[in-house]
Amino acid sequence: MKRTGNLFEKIADLDNLLEAFHATQKGKADRLEVRRFREDLHTNIEQIQNELLSGEFRFGE
């Protein structure tokens, strides 16, 4: 993936990923998959960050 102006690193920043999670869970906080993700939030966010930075992250539909 092409990295221009450190934008990708800003996207993969832990604070940005946490903010994105909080924004996307609005109205869905009671869903089982959201509750499970939130149970180990920091580990899950760090895993996503590592996958993004290594190029291993697979984007969904």
C-alpha atoms as a PDB file:
ATOM      1  CA  MET A   1       0.000   0.000   0.000  1.00  0.00           C
ATOM      2  CA  LYS A   2       1.361   3.413  -0.943  1.00  0.00           C
ATOM      3  CA  ARG A   3       2.114   5.690   2.000  1.00  0.00           C
ATOM      4  CA  THR A   4       1.870   9.385   1.290  1.00  0.00           C
ATOM      5  CA  GLY A   5       2.779  12.052   3.834  1.00  0.00           C
ATOM      6  CA  ASN A   6       2.600   9.666   6.807  1.00  0.00           C
ATOM      7  CA  LEU A   7      -1.194   9.587   6.419  1.00  0.00           C
ATOM      8  CA  PHE A   8      -1.308   5.828   6.846  1.00  0.00           C
ATOM      9  CA  GLU A   9       0.642   6.029  10.098  1.00  0.00           C
ATOM     10  CA  LYS A  10      -1.820   8.659  11.348  1.00  0.00           C
ATOM     11  CA  ILE A  11      -4.727   6.390  10.471  1.00  0.00           C
ATOM     12  CA  ALA A  12      -3.069   3.467  12.272  1.00  0.00           C
ATOM     13  CA  ASP A  13      -2.333   5.570  15.375  1.00  0.00           C
ATOM     14  CA  LEU A  14      -3.729   3.922  18.535  1.00  0.00           C
ATOM     15  CA  ASP A  15      -5.642   7.030  19.598  1.00  0.00           C
ATOM     16  CA  ASN A  16      -7.202   7.320  16.142  1.00  0.00           C
ATOM     17  CA  LEU A  17      -8.200   3.647  16.134  1.00  0.00           C
ATOM     18  CA  LEU A  18      -9.767   3.973  19.598  1.00  0.00           C
ATOM     19  CA  GLU A  19     -11.678   7.060  18.485  1.00  0.00           C
ATOM     20  CA  ALA A  20     -12.870   5.184  15.399  1.00  0.00           C
ATOM     21  CA  PHE A  21     -14.094   2.297  17.539  1.00  0.00           C
ATOM     22  CA  HIS A  22     -16.046   4.611  19.833  1.00  0.00           C
ATOM     23  CA  ALA A  23     -17.585   6.393  16.841  1.00  0.00           C
ATOM     24  CA  THR A  24     -18.630   3.164  15.118  1.00  0.00           C
ATOM     25  CA  GLN A  25     -20.149   1.501  18.181  1.00  0.00           C
ATOM     26  CA  LYS A  26     -22.752   4.231  18.649  1.00  0.00           C
ATOM     27  CA  GLY A  27     -26.169   2.659  18.403  1.00  0.00           C
ATOM     28  CA  LYS A  28     -24.586  -0.815  18.347  1.00  0.00           C
ATOM     29  CA  ALA A  29     -23.069  -0.996  21.832  1.00  0.00           C
ATOM     30  CA  ASP A  30     -25.435  -3.763  22.934  1.00  0.00           C
ATOM     31  CA  ARG A  31     -24.570  -6.091  20.064  1.00  0.00           C
ATOM     32  CA  LEU A  32     -22.754  -9.248  21.107  1.00  0.00           C
ATOM     33  CA  GLU A  33     -19.813  -8.756  18.736  1.00  0.00           C
ATOM     34  CA  VAL A  34     -19.291  -5.183  19.963  1.00  0.00           C
ATOM     35  CA  ARG A  35     -19.408  -6.275  23.612  1.00  0.00           C
ATOM     36  CA  ARG A  36     -16.888  -9.052  22.923  1.00  0.00           C
ATOM     37  CA  PHE A  37     -14.557  -6.673  21.094  1.00  0.00           C
ATOM     38  CA  ARG A  38     -14.841  -4.147  23.939  1.00  0.00           C
ATOM     39  CA  GLU A  39     -13.982  -6.791  26.583  1.00  0.00           C
ATOM     40  CA  ASP A  40     -10.377  -6.820  25.357  1.00  0.00           C
ATOM     41  CA  LEU A  41     -10.433  -3.475  23.577  1.00  0.00           C
ATOM     42  CA  HIS A  42      -6.793  -2.458  23.844  1.00  0.00           C
ATOM     43  CA  THR A  43      -5.476  -5.840  22.730  1.00  0.00           C
ATOM     44  CA  ASN A  44      -7.895  -5.874  19.787  1.00  0.00           C
ATOM     45  CA  ILE A  45      -6.979  -2.317  18.767  1.00  0.00           C
ATOM     46  CA  GLU A  46      -3.264  -3.112  19.004  1.00  0.00           C
ATOM     47  CA  GLN A  47      -3.797  -6.207  16.836  1.00  0.00           C
ATOM     48  CA  ILE A  48      -5.577  -4.125  14.202  1.00  0.00           C
ATOM     49  CA  GLN A  49      -2.774  -1.555  14.331  1.00  0.00           C
ATOM     50  CA  ASN A  50      -0.119  -4.244  13.865  1.00  0.00           C
ATOM     51  CA  GLU A  51      -2.021  -5.760  10.947  1.00  0.00           C
ATOM     52  CA  LEU A  52      -2.470  -2.356   9.318  1.00  0.00           C
ATOM     53  CA  LEU A  53       1.196  -1.430   9.635  1.00  0.00           C
ATOM     54  CA  SER A  54       2.415  -4.825   8.438  1.00  0.00           C
ATOM     55  CA  GLY A  55       0.011  -4.913   5.480  1.00  0.00           C
ATOM     56  CA  GLU A  56      -1.746  -8.025   6.788  1.00  0.00           C
ATOM     57  CA  PHE A  57      -5.093  -6.368   7.588  1.00  0.00           C
ATOM     58  CA  ARG A  58      -7.933  -7.597   5.382  1.00  0.00           C
ATOM     59  CA  PHE A  59     -10.619  -5.014   4.737  1.00  0.00           C
ATOM     60  CA  GLY A  60     -14.216  -6.264   4.664  1.00  0.00           C
ATOM     61  CA  GLU A  61     -16.971  -5.471   2.230  1.00  0.00           C
END
